[in-house]
């Protein structure tokens, strides 16, 4: 009943737009449709099963407003039901270096500056359905600043149906097969 819930919010807030794809497009294409449809200054990314803390949007907007040359910023997060110390990086040079091997931002936590995405023609690659965020961050790093805000502003839910766990299962299978060679 997500559509109905969004429509109820739309009754009181004309800024909310409901986009319903006629067919399943996949994550990358769907994100690009949303970017193209967006009219605001910022685009905030979030997964349906995660929880934004009440101050998340205000904190991230304040940070972006104070740092107009930052194009993408993530934030720290709490994993639901776990004592979690994240290993996020906050120094921009460390983030750039980490992008050689890892994903130093958590996709559901990011805020992006629409103007810089448009100016640099940056969109999600439709080739990478499981690593669309990593690809976007790698291509963005040479166009504008990328950072992480050290405040915990999102509760991240882990469960076995999450894409990251499916990727880990595939990776483990590949490693098992490589070990046989």
N, C-alpha and C. Protein backbone atom coordinates (compact mmCIF):
# COMPACT_ATOMS: atom_id res chain seq x y z
N UNK A 1 0.82 -1.21 0.00
CA UNK A 1 0.00 0.00 0.00
C UNK A 1 0.86 1.27 0.00
N UNK A 2 2.10 1.15 -0.48
CA UNK A 2 2.99 2.31 -0.52
C UNK A 2 2.40 3.44 -1.34
N UNK A 3 1.80 3.11 -2.50
CA UNK A 3 1.21 4.15 -3.36
C UNK A 3 0.18 4.97 -2.60
N UNK A 4 -0.69 4.29 -1.85
CA UNK A 4 -1.74 4.98 -1.09
C UNK A 4 -1.15 5.88 -0.01
N UNK A 5 -0.11 5.40 0.65
CA UNK A 5 0.53 6.20 1.70
C UNK A 5 1.14 7.46 1.09
N UNK A 6 1.84 7.32 -0.03
CA UNK A 6 2.44 8.48 -0.69
C UNK A 6 1.36 9.46 -1.14
N UNK A 7 0.28 8.94 -1.70
CA UNK A 7 -0.81 9.82 -2.15
C UNK A 7 -1.41 10.62 -0.99
N UNK A 8 -1.51 10.02 0.18
CA UNK A 8 -2.04 10.75 1.35
C UNK A 8 -1.11 11.90 1.71
N UNK A 9 0.20 11.67 1.65
CA UNK A 9 1.15 12.75 1.93
C UNK A 9 1.06 13.83 0.85
N UNK A 10 0.83 13.42 -0.39
CA UNK A 10 0.75 14.37 -1.50
C UNK A 10 -0.42 15.33 -1.34
N UNK A 11 -1.46 14.91 -0.67
CA UNK A 11 -2.62 15.78 -0.46
C UNK A 11 -2.25 17.04 0.30
N UNK A 12 -1.24 16.96 1.15
CA UNK A 12 -0.84 18.09 1.99
C UNK A 12 0.49 18.72 1.59
N UNK A 13 1.16 18.16 0.57
CA UNK A 13 2.47 18.68 0.21
C UNK A 13 2.67 18.52 -1.30
N UNK A 14 2.56 19.62 -2.01
CA UNK A 14 2.65 19.59 -3.48
C UNK A 14 4.06 19.29 -3.99
N UNK A 15 5.05 19.33 -3.08
CA UNK A 15 6.42 19.03 -3.51
C UNK A 15 6.63 17.54 -3.75
N UNK A 16 5.79 16.71 -3.20
CA UNK A 16 5.95 15.26 -3.32
C UNK A 16 5.41 14.80 -4.67
N UNK A 17 6.24 14.06 -5.38
CA UNK A 17 5.85 13.50 -6.69
C UNK A 17 5.93 11.99 -6.61
N UNK A 18 4.91 11.33 -7.06
CA UNK A 18 4.88 9.87 -7.11
C UNK A 18 5.20 9.43 -8.53
N UNK A 19 6.24 8.63 -8.66
CA UNK A 19 6.64 8.11 -9.96
C UNK A 19 6.39 6.61 -9.94
N UNK A 20 5.56 6.15 -10.85
CA UNK A 20 5.27 4.72 -10.95
C UNK A 20 5.71 4.26 -12.34
N UNK A 21 6.69 3.38 -12.37
CA UNK A 21 7.15 2.84 -13.65
C UNK A 21 6.10 1.88 -14.20
N UNK A 22 5.90 1.91 -15.48
CA UNK A 22 4.93 1.01 -16.13
C UNK A 22 5.41 -0.44 -16.12
N UNK A 23 6.73 -0.61 -16.02
CA UNK A 23 7.32 -1.95 -15.96
C UNK A 23 8.53 -1.89 -15.04
N UNK A 24 9.01 -3.05 -14.62
CA UNK A 24 10.19 -3.10 -13.76
C UNK A 24 11.41 -2.68 -14.58
N UNK A 25 12.08 -1.63 -14.11
CA UNK A 25 13.23 -1.10 -14.83
C UNK A 25 14.56 -1.52 -14.23
N UNK A 26 14.54 -1.97 -13.00
CA UNK A 26 15.78 -2.24 -12.29
C UNK A 26 16.19 -0.99 -11.52
N UNK A 27 17.12 -1.17 -10.59
CA UNK A 27 17.49 -0.08 -9.68
C UNK A 27 18.13 1.09 -10.41
N UNK A 28 19.08 0.84 -11.29
CA UNK A 28 19.80 1.94 -11.94
C UNK A 28 18.88 2.80 -12.80
N UNK A 29 18.09 2.17 -13.65
CA UNK A 29 17.16 2.92 -14.50
C UNK A 29 16.14 3.68 -13.66
N UNK A 30 15.64 3.04 -12.61
CA UNK A 30 14.65 3.70 -11.75
C UNK A 30 15.25 4.91 -11.05
N UNK A 31 16.49 4.78 -10.58
CA UNK A 31 17.14 5.93 -9.95
C UNK A 31 17.35 7.06 -10.94
N UNK A 32 17.70 6.73 -12.18
CA UNK A 32 17.88 7.75 -13.20
C UNK A 32 16.56 8.45 -13.55
N UNK A 33 15.47 7.69 -13.58
CA UNK A 33 14.15 8.30 -13.82
C UNK A 33 13.87 9.31 -12.71
N UNK A 34 14.17 8.94 -11.48
CA UNK A 34 13.92 9.84 -10.34
C UNK A 34 14.81 11.09 -10.42
N UNK A 35 16.07 10.91 -10.79
CA UNK A 35 16.98 12.07 -10.92
C UNK A 35 16.45 13.02 -12.00
N UNK A 36 16.06 12.48 -13.12
CA UNK A 36 15.55 13.32 -14.22
C UNK A 36 14.28 14.07 -13.81
N UNK A 37 13.44 13.43 -13.02
CA UNK A 37 12.18 14.04 -12.60
C UNK A 37 12.35 15.05 -11.48
N UNK A 38 13.45 14.98 -10.78
CA UNK A 38 13.64 15.84 -9.61
C UNK A 38 13.86 17.29 -10.02
N UNK A 39 13.31 18.19 -9.24
CA UNK A 39 13.40 19.62 -9.50
C UNK A 39 14.12 20.35 -8.37
N UNK A 40 14.44 19.65 -7.30
CA UNK A 40 15.02 20.28 -6.13
C UNK A 40 16.52 20.46 -6.24
N UNK A 41 17.07 21.07 -5.22
CA UNK A 41 18.50 21.33 -5.13
C UNK A 41 19.26 20.06 -4.79
N UNK A 42 18.64 19.20 -3.98
CA UNK A 42 19.29 17.99 -3.51
C UNK A 42 18.46 16.75 -3.82
N UNK A 43 19.16 15.64 -3.95
CA UNK A 43 18.52 14.33 -4.09
C UNK A 43 19.01 13.49 -2.93
N UNK A 44 18.08 12.97 -2.16
CA UNK A 44 18.42 12.14 -1.01
C UNK A 44 18.07 10.71 -1.34
N UNK A 45 19.01 9.83 -1.12
CA UNK A 45 18.85 8.40 -1.42
C UNK A 45 18.50 7.66 -0.13
N UNK A 46 17.60 6.71 -0.25
CA UNK A 46 17.23 5.89 0.89
C UNK A 46 16.58 4.61 0.40
N UNK A 47 16.81 3.51 1.12
CA UNK A 47 16.16 2.25 0.79
C UNK A 47 14.88 2.13 1.61
N UNK A 48 13.92 1.41 1.08
CA UNK A 48 12.60 1.30 1.70
C UNK A 48 12.64 0.62 3.06
N UNK A 49 13.63 -0.22 3.31
CA UNK A 49 13.65 -0.95 4.58
C UNK A 49 14.50 -0.28 5.65
N UNK A 50 15.10 0.86 5.35
CA UNK A 50 15.90 1.59 6.33
C UNK A 50 15.07 2.70 6.96
N UNK A 51 15.60 3.29 8.03
CA UNK A 51 14.87 4.31 8.78
C UNK A 51 15.74 5.55 8.91
N UNK A 52 15.26 6.68 8.39
CA UNK A 52 15.96 7.95 8.61
C UNK A 52 15.60 8.47 9.99
N UNK A 53 16.59 8.95 10.71
CA UNK A 53 16.31 9.58 11.99
C UNK A 53 15.64 10.93 11.71
N UNK A 54 14.84 11.42 12.65
CA UNK A 54 14.04 12.64 12.39
C UNK A 54 14.85 13.85 11.94
N UNK A 55 16.11 13.95 12.35
CA UNK A 55 16.93 15.11 12.00
C UNK A 55 17.81 14.88 10.77
N UNK A 56 17.69 13.73 10.13
CA UNK A 56 18.60 13.40 9.02
C UNK A 56 18.60 14.44 7.91
N UNK A 57 17.45 14.71 7.35
CA UNK A 57 17.40 15.61 6.20
C UNK A 57 17.92 17.00 6.55
N UNK A 58 17.50 17.52 7.70
CA UNK A 58 17.95 18.86 8.09
C UNK A 58 19.46 18.90 8.28
N UNK A 59 20.01 17.88 8.94
CA UNK A 59 21.46 17.83 9.16
C UNK A 59 22.22 17.76 7.84
N UNK A 60 21.77 16.92 6.93
CA UNK A 60 22.48 16.77 5.65
C UNK A 60 22.32 18.01 4.78
N UNK A 61 21.15 18.61 4.76
CA UNK A 61 20.96 19.85 3.98
C UNK A 61 21.81 20.97 4.56
N UNK A 62 21.84 21.10 5.88
CA UNK A 62 22.68 22.14 6.50
C UNK A 62 24.14 21.95 6.10
N UNK A 63 24.61 20.72 6.13
CA UNK A 63 26.00 20.42 5.77
C UNK A 63 26.26 20.77 4.30
N UNK A 64 25.37 20.38 3.42
CA UNK A 64 25.55 20.69 1.99
C UNK A 64 25.47 22.19 1.74
N UNK A 65 24.55 22.88 2.42
CA UNK A 65 24.45 24.33 2.26
C UNK A 65 25.73 25.03 2.70
N UNK A 66 26.37 24.51 3.73
CA UNK A 66 27.61 25.10 4.24
C UNK A 66 28.82 24.74 3.40
N UNK A 67 28.68 23.74 2.51
CA UNK A 67 29.80 23.26 1.69
C UNK A 67 29.34 23.12 0.24
N UNK A 68 29.18 24.25 -0.47
CA UNK A 68 28.56 24.22 -1.80
C UNK A 68 29.35 23.48 -2.88
N UNK A 69 30.62 23.15 -2.63
CA UNK A 69 31.38 22.42 -3.65
C UNK A 69 31.34 20.91 -3.44
N UNK A 70 30.63 20.45 -2.43
CA UNK A 70 30.46 19.01 -2.22
C UNK A 70 29.30 18.54 -3.09
N UNK A 71 29.54 17.49 -3.85
CA UNK A 71 28.50 16.96 -4.73
C UNK A 71 27.73 15.81 -4.12
N UNK A 72 28.43 14.97 -3.35
CA UNK A 72 27.79 13.82 -2.71
C UNK A 72 28.33 13.71 -1.29
N UNK A 73 27.42 13.49 -0.37
CA UNK A 73 27.83 13.26 1.01
C UNK A 73 26.99 12.14 1.60
N UNK A 74 27.66 11.22 2.25
CA UNK A 74 26.97 10.19 3.02
C UNK A 74 26.94 10.60 4.47
N UNK A 75 26.47 9.71 5.31
CA UNK A 75 26.49 9.97 6.75
C UNK A 75 26.72 8.63 7.46
N UNK A 76 27.03 8.74 8.72
CA UNK A 76 27.20 7.54 9.51
C UNK A 76 25.82 6.95 9.79
N UNK A 77 25.79 5.73 10.28
CA UNK A 77 24.53 5.02 10.47
C UNK A 77 24.65 4.01 11.60
N UNK A 78 23.53 3.57 12.08
CA UNK A 78 23.45 2.51 13.09
C UNK A 78 22.82 1.30 12.43
N UNK A 79 23.39 0.13 12.64
CA UNK A 79 22.78 -1.10 12.13
C UNK A 79 21.74 -1.54 13.15
N UNK A 80 20.52 -1.74 12.68
CA UNK A 80 19.41 -2.07 13.58
C UNK A 80 19.72 -3.33 14.39
N UNK A 81 19.56 -3.21 15.71
CA UNK A 81 19.70 -4.34 16.60
C UNK A 81 21.13 -4.80 16.84
N UNK A 82 22.11 -4.04 16.40
CA UNK A 82 23.49 -4.45 16.57
C UNK A 82 24.30 -3.33 17.21
N UNK A 83 25.27 -3.73 18.02
CA UNK A 83 26.27 -2.77 18.47
C UNK A 83 27.22 -2.61 17.30
N UNK A 84 27.28 -1.46 16.72
CA UNK A 84 27.98 -1.29 15.46
C UNK A 84 28.90 -0.09 15.52
N UNK A 85 30.12 -0.32 15.22
CA UNK A 85 31.07 0.76 15.03
C UNK A 85 31.42 0.77 13.55
N UNK A 86 30.96 1.77 12.86
CA UNK A 86 31.22 1.80 11.42
C UNK A 86 32.68 2.10 11.16
N UNK A 87 33.11 1.76 9.99
CA UNK A 87 34.48 2.05 9.56
C UNK A 87 34.48 3.09 8.45
N UNK A 88 33.49 3.96 8.49
CA UNK A 88 33.41 5.00 7.45
C UNK A 88 34.61 5.93 7.54
N UNK A 89 34.99 6.44 6.40
CA UNK A 89 36.06 7.42 6.31
C UNK A 89 35.43 8.80 6.20
N UNK A 90 36.09 9.79 6.76
CA UNK A 90 35.55 11.15 6.72
C UNK A 90 36.45 12.11 5.96
N UNK A 91 37.74 11.80 5.85
CA UNK A 91 38.68 12.63 5.11
C UNK A 91 38.48 12.40 3.61
N UNK A 92 38.35 13.48 2.86
CA UNK A 92 38.08 13.37 1.41
C UNK A 92 39.16 12.61 0.66
N UNK A 93 40.42 12.82 1.02
CA UNK A 93 41.50 12.11 0.33
C UNK A 93 41.45 10.62 0.65
N UNK A 94 41.12 10.27 1.88
CA UNK A 94 40.97 8.86 2.24
C UNK A 94 39.82 8.23 1.47
N UNK A 95 38.73 8.98 1.31
CA UNK A 95 37.58 8.47 0.56
C UNK A 95 37.97 8.23 -0.90
N UNK A 96 38.68 9.18 -1.50
CA UNK A 96 39.12 9.01 -2.90
C UNK A 96 40.01 7.78 -3.04
N UNK A 97 40.95 7.62 -2.12
CA UNK A 97 41.85 6.47 -2.18
C UNK A 97 41.09 5.16 -1.95
N UNK A 98 40.17 5.17 -1.03
CA UNK A 98 39.40 3.97 -0.71
C UNK A 98 38.55 3.52 -1.90
N UNK A 99 38.15 4.47 -2.74
CA UNK A 99 37.35 4.14 -3.92
C UNK A 99 38.10 3.27 -4.92
N UNK A 100 39.41 3.13 -4.75
CA UNK A 100 40.17 2.23 -5.61
C UNK A 100 39.79 0.77 -5.35
N UNK A 101 39.33 0.48 -4.12
CA UNK A 101 39.09 -0.91 -3.73
C UNK A 101 37.74 -1.16 -3.07
N UNK A 102 37.15 -0.15 -2.46
CA UNK A 102 35.97 -0.33 -1.63
C UNK A 102 34.93 0.76 -1.92
N UNK A 103 33.78 0.63 -1.27
CA UNK A 103 32.74 1.65 -1.34
C UNK A 103 32.75 2.40 0.00
N UNK A 104 33.31 3.61 0.03
CA UNK A 104 33.47 4.32 1.30
C UNK A 104 32.24 5.13 1.75
N UNK A 105 31.16 5.07 1.00
CA UNK A 105 29.90 5.69 1.40
C UNK A 105 28.84 4.59 1.39
N UNK A 106 27.84 4.74 2.21
CA UNK A 106 26.73 3.78 2.21
C UNK A 106 25.59 4.39 1.43
N UNK A 107 25.23 3.74 0.34
CA UNK A 107 24.27 4.27 -0.63
C UNK A 107 22.99 4.81 0.00
N UNK A 108 22.36 4.10 0.95
CA UNK A 108 21.10 4.62 1.49
C UNK A 108 21.26 5.89 2.33
N UNK A 109 22.51 6.32 2.57
CA UNK A 109 22.71 7.50 3.42
C UNK A 109 23.03 8.76 2.65
N UNK A 110 23.13 8.69 1.32
CA UNK A 110 23.70 9.83 0.59
C UNK A 110 22.69 10.93 0.27
N UNK A 111 23.26 12.11 0.14
CA UNK A 111 22.58 13.27 -0.40
C UNK A 111 23.45 13.75 -1.55
N UNK A 112 22.82 14.10 -2.67
CA UNK A 112 23.56 14.52 -3.87
C UNK A 112 23.06 15.88 -4.32
N UNK A 113 23.99 16.66 -4.82
CA UNK A 113 23.65 17.98 -5.35
C UNK A 113 23.25 17.83 -6.81
N UNK A 114 21.98 18.05 -7.10
CA UNK A 114 21.42 17.85 -8.46
C UNK A 114 22.18 18.65 -9.51
N UNK A 115 22.50 19.89 -9.21
CA UNK A 115 23.18 20.77 -10.16
C UNK A 115 24.51 20.18 -10.62
N UNK A 116 25.27 19.58 -9.70
CA UNK A 116 26.57 19.02 -10.07
C UNK A 116 26.42 17.70 -10.82
N UNK A 117 25.38 16.93 -10.50
CA UNK A 117 25.12 15.72 -11.29
C UNK A 117 24.81 16.11 -12.74
N UNK A 118 23.96 17.12 -12.90
CA UNK A 118 23.58 17.57 -14.24
C UNK A 118 24.77 18.17 -14.99
N UNK A 119 25.50 19.05 -14.33
CA UNK A 119 26.64 19.74 -14.96
C UNK A 119 27.68 18.74 -15.47
N UNK A 120 27.88 17.65 -14.73
CA UNK A 120 28.90 16.66 -15.08
C UNK A 120 28.32 15.43 -15.78
N UNK A 121 27.03 15.52 -16.13
CA UNK A 121 26.34 14.42 -16.82
C UNK A 121 26.54 13.08 -16.11
N UNK A 122 26.34 13.09 -14.80
CA UNK A 122 26.52 11.87 -14.01
C UNK A 122 25.16 11.27 -13.68
N UNK A 123 25.01 10.03 -14.09
CA UNK A 123 23.83 9.23 -13.79
C UNK A 123 24.30 7.83 -13.44
N UNK A 124 23.40 7.03 -12.94
CA UNK A 124 23.73 5.64 -12.62
C UNK A 124 23.90 4.86 -13.93
N UNK A 125 24.94 4.06 -13.99
CA UNK A 125 25.14 3.21 -15.16
C UNK A 125 24.18 2.04 -15.08
N UNK A 126 23.50 1.78 -16.17
CA UNK A 126 22.51 0.70 -16.19
C UNK A 126 23.18 -0.66 -16.40
N UNK A 127 24.47 -0.66 -16.55
CA UNK A 127 25.23 -1.92 -16.68
C UNK A 127 25.40 -2.57 -15.30
N UNK A 128 25.55 -1.73 -14.27
CA UNK A 128 25.86 -2.23 -12.93
C UNK A 128 24.63 -2.23 -12.04
N UNK A 129 23.92 -3.32 -12.00
CA UNK A 129 22.72 -3.40 -11.16
C UNK A 129 23.04 -3.69 -9.71
N UNK A 130 24.17 -4.29 -9.41
CA UNK A 130 24.51 -4.60 -8.03
C UNK A 130 25.58 -3.67 -7.49
N UNK A 131 26.21 -2.89 -8.34
CA UNK A 131 27.27 -1.99 -7.91
C UNK A 131 27.06 -0.59 -8.49
N UNK A 132 25.80 -0.23 -8.68
CA UNK A 132 25.48 1.06 -9.29
C UNK A 132 26.00 2.23 -8.46
N UNK A 133 26.00 2.09 -7.14
CA UNK A 133 26.49 3.16 -6.27
C UNK A 133 28.01 3.33 -6.41
N UNK A 134 28.72 2.22 -6.37
CA UNK A 134 30.18 2.27 -6.48
C UNK A 134 30.60 2.94 -7.79
N UNK A 135 29.99 2.54 -8.89
CA UNK A 135 30.30 3.13 -10.19
C UNK A 135 30.04 4.63 -10.19
N UNK A 136 28.91 5.04 -9.65
CA UNK A 136 28.58 6.47 -9.60
C UNK A 136 29.60 7.24 -8.76
N UNK A 137 30.00 6.68 -7.62
CA UNK A 137 30.97 7.37 -6.77
C UNK A 137 32.33 7.48 -7.46
N UNK A 138 32.76 6.40 -8.12
CA UNK A 138 34.06 6.42 -8.81
C UNK A 138 34.07 7.48 -9.89
N UNK A 139 33.02 7.56 -10.68
CA UNK A 139 32.97 8.56 -11.76
C UNK A 139 32.81 9.97 -11.21
N UNK A 140 32.22 10.11 -10.05
CA UNK A 140 32.00 11.43 -9.46
C UNK A 140 33.24 12.02 -8.80
N UNK A 141 34.13 11.16 -8.32
CA UNK A 141 35.25 11.63 -7.50
C UNK A 141 36.16 12.63 -8.21
N UNK A 142 36.22 12.58 -9.54
CA UNK A 142 37.06 13.52 -10.26
C UNK A 142 36.32 14.78 -10.70
N UNK A 143 35.03 14.83 -10.43
CA UNK A 143 34.21 15.97 -10.84
C UNK A 143 33.89 16.92 -9.69
N UNK A 144 33.77 16.38 -8.49
CA UNK A 144 33.43 17.21 -7.33
C UNK A 144 33.78 16.47 -6.05
N UNK A 145 33.69 17.20 -4.95
CA UNK A 145 34.05 16.64 -3.64
C UNK A 145 33.01 15.62 -3.18
N UNK A 146 33.51 14.57 -2.52
CA UNK A 146 32.67 13.53 -1.93
C UNK A 146 33.09 13.37 -0.48
N UNK A 147 32.12 13.38 0.43
CA UNK A 147 32.45 13.30 1.86
C UNK A 147 31.45 12.41 2.59
N UNK A 148 31.76 12.18 3.84
CA UNK A 148 30.83 11.54 4.78
C UNK A 148 30.69 12.45 5.99
N UNK A 149 29.50 12.62 6.43
CA UNK A 149 29.20 13.36 7.66
C UNK A 149 29.29 12.35 8.80
N UNK A 150 29.97 12.70 9.88
CA UNK A 150 30.24 11.74 10.95
C UNK A 150 29.04 11.48 11.86
N UNK A 151 27.94 12.14 11.65
CA UNK A 151 26.76 11.95 12.51
C UNK A 151 25.96 10.73 12.07
N UNK A 152 25.47 9.96 13.03
CA UNK A 152 24.60 8.81 12.73
C UNK A 152 23.19 9.34 12.48
N UNK A 153 22.74 9.22 11.23
CA UNK A 153 21.47 9.80 10.84
C UNK A 153 20.51 8.79 10.20
N UNK A 154 20.91 7.52 10.17
CA UNK A 154 20.08 6.50 9.53
C UNK A 154 20.23 5.19 10.29
N UNK A 155 19.16 4.44 10.36
CA UNK A 155 19.19 3.09 10.91
C UNK A 155 19.12 2.14 9.72
N UNK A 156 20.17 1.36 9.56
CA UNK A 156 20.32 0.44 8.43
C UNK A 156 19.85 -0.94 8.88
N UNK A 157 18.97 -1.55 8.11
CA UNK A 157 18.47 -2.88 8.44
C UNK A 157 19.21 -3.93 7.65
N UNK A 158 19.73 -4.93 8.35
CA UNK A 158 20.38 -6.08 7.69
C UNK A 158 19.40 -7.24 7.69
N UNK A 159 19.28 -7.89 6.55
CA UNK A 159 18.46 -9.09 6.45
C UNK A 159 18.93 -9.89 5.25
N UNK A 160 18.60 -11.17 5.22
CA UNK A 160 19.16 -12.05 4.18
C UNK A 160 18.68 -11.74 2.78
N UNK A 161 17.61 -10.96 2.61
CA UNK A 161 17.14 -10.61 1.27
C UNK A 161 17.80 -9.35 0.72
N UNK A 162 18.63 -8.71 1.53
CA UNK A 162 19.29 -7.49 1.09
C UNK A 162 20.26 -7.79 -0.05
N UNK A 163 20.39 -6.85 -0.98
CA UNK A 163 21.28 -7.02 -2.13
C UNK A 163 22.70 -7.32 -1.70
N UNK A 164 23.17 -6.65 -0.64
CA UNK A 164 24.55 -6.86 -0.20
C UNK A 164 24.78 -8.32 0.19
N UNK A 165 23.79 -8.97 0.79
CA UNK A 165 23.96 -10.37 1.16
C UNK A 165 23.93 -11.28 -0.06
N UNK A 166 23.12 -10.95 -1.05
CA UNK A 166 23.12 -11.74 -2.28
C UNK A 166 24.47 -11.60 -2.98
N UNK A 167 25.04 -10.40 -2.96
CA UNK A 167 26.36 -10.18 -3.56
C UNK A 167 27.42 -10.97 -2.81
N UNK A 168 27.34 -11.00 -1.48
CA UNK A 168 28.31 -11.76 -0.69
C UNK A 168 28.21 -13.25 -1.00
N UNK A 169 26.98 -13.75 -1.17
CA UNK A 169 26.80 -15.16 -1.51
C UNK A 169 27.42 -15.47 -2.87
N UNK A 170 27.21 -14.61 -3.85
CA UNK A 170 27.79 -14.80 -5.17
C UNK A 170 29.31 -14.74 -5.07
N UNK A 171 29.84 -13.78 -4.32
CA UNK A 171 31.28 -13.66 -4.14
C UNK A 171 31.87 -14.89 -3.49
N UNK A 172 31.18 -15.44 -2.48
CA UNK A 172 31.67 -16.64 -1.81
C UNK A 172 31.68 -17.82 -2.78
N UNK A 173 30.66 -17.91 -3.62
CA UNK A 173 30.60 -18.99 -4.61
C UNK A 173 31.73 -18.86 -5.62
N UNK A 174 32.00 -17.65 -6.08
CA UNK A 174 33.11 -17.41 -7.02
C UNK A 174 34.41 -17.81 -6.37
N UNK A 175 34.63 -17.41 -5.10
CA UNK A 175 35.86 -17.76 -4.42
C UNK A 175 36.01 -19.28 -4.25
N UNK A 176 34.90 -19.97 -3.98
CA UNK A 176 34.97 -21.44 -3.86
C UNK A 176 35.38 -22.05 -5.20
N UNK A 177 34.80 -21.54 -6.28
CA UNK A 177 35.13 -22.07 -7.60
C UNK A 177 36.57 -21.77 -7.98
N UNK A 178 37.04 -20.56 -7.65
CA UNK A 178 38.42 -20.21 -7.95
C UNK A 178 39.39 -21.09 -7.16
N UNK A 179 38.99 -21.47 -5.94
CA UNK A 179 39.83 -22.33 -5.12
C UNK A 179 39.99 -23.73 -5.70
N UNK A 180 39.09 -24.12 -6.57
CA UNK A 180 39.17 -25.44 -7.21
C UNK A 180 40.14 -25.46 -8.39
N UNK A 181 40.46 -24.28 -8.89
CA UNK A 181 41.32 -24.18 -10.10
C UNK A 181 42.78 -24.38 -9.71
